Amino acid sequence: MAGIAAASVGLSENGRNVQAAPEPTVQPSAANDEFDTQLSTLSREADDFADRASRTQQRVDLEQRRREEQKLREADAASKKAEAARKEALRPKFALPVAQKGVGELFGAVGSMWSNRHTGLDFPVSMYTPVMAVTDGTVVAKWNPSYGNIVEVTAADGTQTWYAHLASARIRSGYVKAGTVIGYAGSSGNSSGPHLHLEVHPGGGAPVDPLAWLRTHGLDPT
């Protein structure tokens, strides 16, 4: 406490008046001010530390969630990849070119329609019947005076399958899988009526009997 206290008057044992000594003046201590400052600084530092610790924990939690979400995404991608591989392994790698059973002119037949002999296998189907790729492969569609609208599919082993006398090609280029519709049967080129003419050229070379070739791959169109 600051200031001078008023002196009080009392009686001594002999009856005389005695003036009491004034209370001492209390001055503020520099040490106290310094201590208060230190306490205030420590309090601010404690608050700052708590704030930094909270932000650090938030970053740790966020990183943990990010890692967990990444693991879930990777697990989901791996599961989808495995399922796709399973389906691919089960998918037939060869298919008949038309859904309808039955064949017409056989490979090697002779007649006025061919300059030498019949180089393919005919499927007597109606106009615009969907024609499917027999194998996986790369498609090229073109026009030929004798074959008319023709689509060629080249498989990975180099085997070419030709689909001739089409009304039109559905796919003119690109990669297809067995069973994909690549065109529609017709009677273009040197043809006497609607049908599909199929040829098989192993390694892109001379044609072989498509019926025998189809049967070696578990397919029988008859």
Protein backbone atom coordinates (compact mmCIF):
# COMPACT_ATOMS: atom_id res chain seq x y z
CA MET A 1 0.00 0.00 0.00
CA ALA A 2 1.18 3.54 -0.81
CA GLY A 3 0.86 6.79 1.21
CA ILE A 4 1.43 7.86 4.83
CA ALA A 5 -1.02 6.66 7.46
CA ALA A 6 -2.29 9.23 9.96
CA ALA A 7 -0.70 9.04 13.43
CA SER A 8 -2.96 7.84 16.21
CA VAL A 9 -2.93 9.20 19.77
CA GLY A 10 -3.28 7.08 22.91
CA LEU A 11 -2.47 7.03 26.65
CA SER A 12 0.59 5.46 28.11
CA GLU A 13 0.66 3.62 31.41
CA ASN A 14 1.58 6.84 33.29
CA GLY A 15 -1.26 8.74 31.69
CA ARG A 16 0.72 10.70 29.26
CA ASN A 17 -0.30 11.08 25.69
CA VAL A 18 1.70 8.88 23.36
CA GLN A 19 1.74 9.41 19.61
CA ALA A 20 1.76 6.13 17.73
CA ALA A 21 4.40 5.64 15.08
CA PRO A 22 3.08 5.99 11.47
CA GLU A 23 2.59 2.84 9.45
CA PRO A 24 5.40 2.26 6.95
CA THR A 25 4.82 3.12 3.30
CA VAL A 26 4.70 0.05 0.96
CA GLN A 27 6.31 0.71 -2.41
CA PRO A 28 5.63 -1.49 -5.52
CA SER A 29 8.37 -4.04 -6.08
CA ALA A 30 10.18 -4.25 -9.43
CA ALA A 31 10.50 -7.98 -8.78
CA ASN A 32 6.73 -8.29 -8.59
CA ASP A 33 6.28 -6.47 -11.89
CA GLU A 34 8.84 -8.71 -13.51
CA PHE A 35 7.11 -11.80 -12.10
CA ASP A 36 3.73 -10.64 -13.42
CA THR A 37 5.30 -10.08 -16.82
CA GLN A 38 6.82 -13.56 -16.75
CA LEU A 39 3.46 -15.08 -15.81
CA SER A 40 1.76 -13.24 -18.66
CA THR A 41 4.46 -14.37 -21.10
CA LEU A 42 4.23 -17.96 -19.92
CA SER A 43 0.46 -17.86 -20.30
CA ARG A 44 0.71 -16.59 -23.88
CA GLU A 45 3.38 -19.16 -24.70
CA ALA A 46 1.22 -21.91 -23.22
CA ASP A 47 -1.72 -20.77 -25.36
CA ASP A 48 0.50 -20.63 -28.45
CA PHE A 49 1.85 -24.10 -27.72
CA ALA A 50 -1.65 -25.50 -27.27
CA ASP A 51 -2.73 -23.90 -30.54
CA ARG A 52 0.29 -25.30 -32.40
CA ALA A 53 -0.26 -28.71 -30.86
CA SER A 54 -3.90 -28.65 -31.95
CA ARG A 55 -2.98 -27.70 -35.52
CA THR A 56 -0.28 -30.39 -35.58
CA GLN A 57 -2.79 -33.01 -34.42
CA GLN A 58 -5.23 -31.85 -37.08
CA ARG A 59 -2.55 -32.32 -39.73
CA VAL A 60 -1.71 -35.77 -38.34
CA ASP A 61 -5.38 -36.75 -38.37
CA LEU A 62 -5.82 -35.39 -41.90
CA GLU A 63 -2.78 -37.29 -43.17
CA GLN A 64 -4.02 -40.47 -41.50
CA ARG A 65 -7.43 -40.11 -43.16
CA ARG A 66 -5.74 -39.43 -46.50
CA ARG A 67 -3.65 -42.59 -46.19
CA GLU A 68 -6.67 -44.67 -45.21
CA GLU A 69 -8.68 -43.32 -48.15
CA GLN A 70 -5.74 -44.02 -50.48
CA LYS A 71 -5.56 -47.60 -49.22
CA LEU A 72 -9.29 -48.01 -49.82
CA ARG A 73 -8.95 -46.64 -53.36
CA GLU A 74 -6.02 -48.93 -54.08
CA ALA A 75 -7.89 -51.94 -52.68
CA ASP A 76 -10.94 -51.07 -54.80
CA ALA A 77 -8.81 -50.64 -57.93
CA ALA A 78 -7.07 -53.97 -57.27
CA SER A 79 -10.43 -55.67 -56.79
CA LYS A 80 -11.78 -54.25 -60.05
CA LYS A 81 -8.61 -55.23 -61.88
CA ALA A 82 -8.84 -58.79 -60.56
CA GLU A 83 -12.50 -59.01 -61.55
CA ALA A 84 -11.72 -57.71 -65.04
CA ALA A 85 -8.92 -60.27 -65.37
CA ARG A 86 -11.26 -63.04 -64.24
CA LYS A 87 -13.89 -62.05 -66.80
CA GLU A 88 -11.27 -61.77 -69.52
CA ALA A 89 -9.98 -65.25 -68.72
CA LEU A 90 -13.51 -66.67 -68.95
CA ARG A 91 -14.44 -64.76 -72.13
CA PRO A 92 -14.61 -66.91 -75.28
CA LYS A 93 -11.71 -66.05 -77.59
CA PHE A 94 -13.45 -67.45 -80.69
CA ALA A 95 -17.00 -66.97 -81.96
CA LEU A 96 -19.12 -68.02 -84.92
CA PRO A 97 -19.55 -65.19 -87.44
CA VAL A 98 -23.36 -65.42 -87.45
CA ALA A 99 -25.88 -66.67 -84.92
CA GLN A 100 -27.80 -68.77 -87.47
CA LYS A 101 -26.68 -72.36 -87.93
CA GLY A 102 -26.12 -73.87 -91.35
CA VAL A 103 -23.60 -73.40 -94.16
CA GLY A 104 -23.78 -73.08 -97.94
CA GLU A 105 -20.91 -73.43 -100.42
CA LEU A 106 -17.93 -75.18 -98.86
CA PHE A 107 -14.24 -74.43 -99.19
CA GLY A 108 -12.71 -75.75 -102.43
CA ALA A 109 -15.96 -75.91 -104.41
CA VAL A 110 -15.70 -75.15 -108.14
CA GLY A 111 -18.13 -73.28 -110.33
CA SER A 112 -18.71 -70.37 -112.63
CA MET A 113 -18.81 -67.92 -109.74
CA TRP A 114 -15.09 -68.43 -109.01
CA SER A 115 -12.11 -68.17 -111.31
CA ASN A 116 -10.47 -71.22 -109.72
CA ARG A 117 -12.16 -72.62 -106.66
CA HIS A 118 -14.16 -71.36 -103.67
CA THR A 119 -11.69 -69.93 -101.16
CA GLY A 120 -14.02 -69.60 -98.22
CA LEU A 121 -17.16 -70.81 -96.48
CA ASP A 122 -20.58 -69.31 -97.22
CA PHE A 123 -23.30 -68.70 -94.64
CA PRO A 124 -26.76 -68.37 -96.26
CA VAL A 125 -28.23 -65.57 -94.16
CA SER A 126 -30.63 -62.76 -95.00
CA MET A 127 -29.74 -59.14 -95.71
CA TYR A 128 -28.47 -57.11 -92.79
CA THR A 129 -27.86 -60.13 -90.56
CA PRO A 130 -25.30 -59.05 -87.92
CA VAL A 131 -21.82 -60.40 -88.68
CA MET A 132 -19.46 -60.94 -85.75
CA ALA A 133 -15.68 -61.10 -85.45
CA VAL A 134 -14.51 -64.70 -85.12
CA THR A 135 -11.36 -63.65 -83.19
CA ASP A 136 -10.00 -60.71 -81.29
CA GLY A 137 -8.03 -58.47 -83.59
CA THR A 138 -7.49 -55.31 -85.56
CA VAL A 139 -10.17 -54.31 -88.05
CA VAL A 140 -9.69 -52.91 -91.54
CA ALA A 141 -12.73 -52.28 -93.77
CA LYS A 142 -12.33 -51.83 -97.53
CA TRP A 143 -13.96 -52.28 -100.93
CA ASN A 144 -13.00 -54.97 -103.44
CA PRO A 145 -14.64 -55.51 -106.87
CA SER A 146 -14.99 -59.27 -106.25
CA TYR A 147 -15.55 -59.31 -102.46
CA GLY A 148 -17.60 -56.12 -102.33
CA ASN A 149 -17.67 -54.57 -98.87
CA ILE A 150 -15.12 -56.59 -96.91
CA VAL A 151 -13.87 -56.41 -93.34
CA GLU A 152 -10.56 -58.02 -92.41
CA VAL A 153 -9.72 -58.87 -88.79
CA THR A 154 -6.09 -59.65 -87.97
CA ALA A 155 -5.57 -61.62 -84.74
CA ALA A 156 -2.53 -61.41 -82.47
CA ASP A 157 -0.99 -64.51 -84.07
CA GLY A 158 -1.33 -62.97 -87.54
CA THR A 159 -4.37 -65.01 -88.59
CA GLN A 160 -6.69 -62.99 -90.80
CA THR A 161 -10.42 -63.62 -91.10
CA TRP A 162 -12.22 -62.01 -94.03
CA TYR A 163 -15.94 -61.18 -94.02
CA ALA A 164 -17.06 -60.48 -97.59
CA HIS A 165 -20.11 -59.32 -99.59
CA LEU A 166 -21.32 -57.21 -96.66
CA ALA A 167 -24.13 -54.70 -97.01
CA SER A 168 -22.04 -52.38 -94.82
CA ALA A 169 -19.28 -52.37 -92.23
CA ARG A 170 -20.23 -51.39 -88.71
CA ILE A 171 -16.60 -50.96 -87.62
CA ARG A 172 -14.11 -49.69 -90.17
CA SER A 173 -10.97 -49.64 -88.03
CA GLY A 174 -9.75 -50.30 -84.52
CA TYR A 175 -9.50 -53.27 -82.19
CA VAL A 176 -12.37 -55.67 -81.51
CA LYS A 177 -12.99 -58.76 -79.43
CA ALA A 178 -14.46 -62.04 -80.64
CA GLY A 179 -18.24 -61.81 -80.88
CA THR A 180 -18.30 -58.07 -81.64
CA VAL A 181 -20.63 -57.09 -84.47
CA ILE A 182 -18.40 -55.70 -87.22
CA GLY A 183 -20.83 -55.50 -90.16
CA TYR A 184 -24.07 -56.66 -91.76
CA ALA A 185 -24.50 -59.41 -94.34
CA GLY A 186 -25.41 -58.36 -97.87
CA SER A 187 -24.76 -59.13 -101.53
CA SER A 188 -22.13 -56.60 -102.61
CA GLY A 189 -19.40 -57.42 -105.14
CA ASN A 190 -19.45 -60.66 -107.13
CA SER A 191 -22.44 -62.22 -105.38
CA SER A 192 -25.59 -64.02 -106.48
CA GLY A 193 -27.60 -63.18 -103.34
CA PRO A 194 -27.43 -62.25 -99.66
CA HIS A 195 -24.92 -64.33 -97.69
CA LEU A 196 -21.69 -64.07 -95.71
CA HIS A 197 -18.48 -65.29 -97.30
CA LEU A 198 -15.87 -66.12 -94.63
CA GLU A 199 -12.20 -66.75 -95.36
CA VAL A 200 -9.38 -67.73 -92.98
CA HIS A 201 -5.76 -66.82 -93.79
CA PRO A 202 -3.26 -68.10 -91.15
CA GLY A 203 -0.41 -65.63 -90.86
CA GLY A 204 -2.02 -63.58 -93.60
CA GLY A 205 -1.06 -66.24 -96.16
CA ALA A 206 -3.06 -68.63 -98.35
CA PRO A 207 -6.63 -69.44 -97.30
CA VAL A 208 -7.51 -72.64 -95.45
CA ASP A 209 -10.82 -74.43 -94.95
CA PRO A 210 -12.81 -72.21 -92.53
CA LEU A 211 -15.06 -75.09 -91.44
CA ALA A 212 -12.13 -77.26 -90.34
CA TRP A 213 -10.43 -74.24 -88.75
CA LEU A 214 -13.55 -73.29 -86.79
CA ARG A 215 -13.92 -76.85 -85.52
CA THR A 216 -10.34 -76.89 -84.23
CA HIS A 217 -11.37 -73.98 -82.03
CA GLY A 218 -14.45 -75.68 -80.67
CA LEU A 219 -16.96 -74.07 -83.06
CA ASP A 220 -19.31 -75.88 -85.43
CA PRO A 221 -21.64 -73.81 -87.60
CA THR A 222 -23.43 -76.77 -89.22
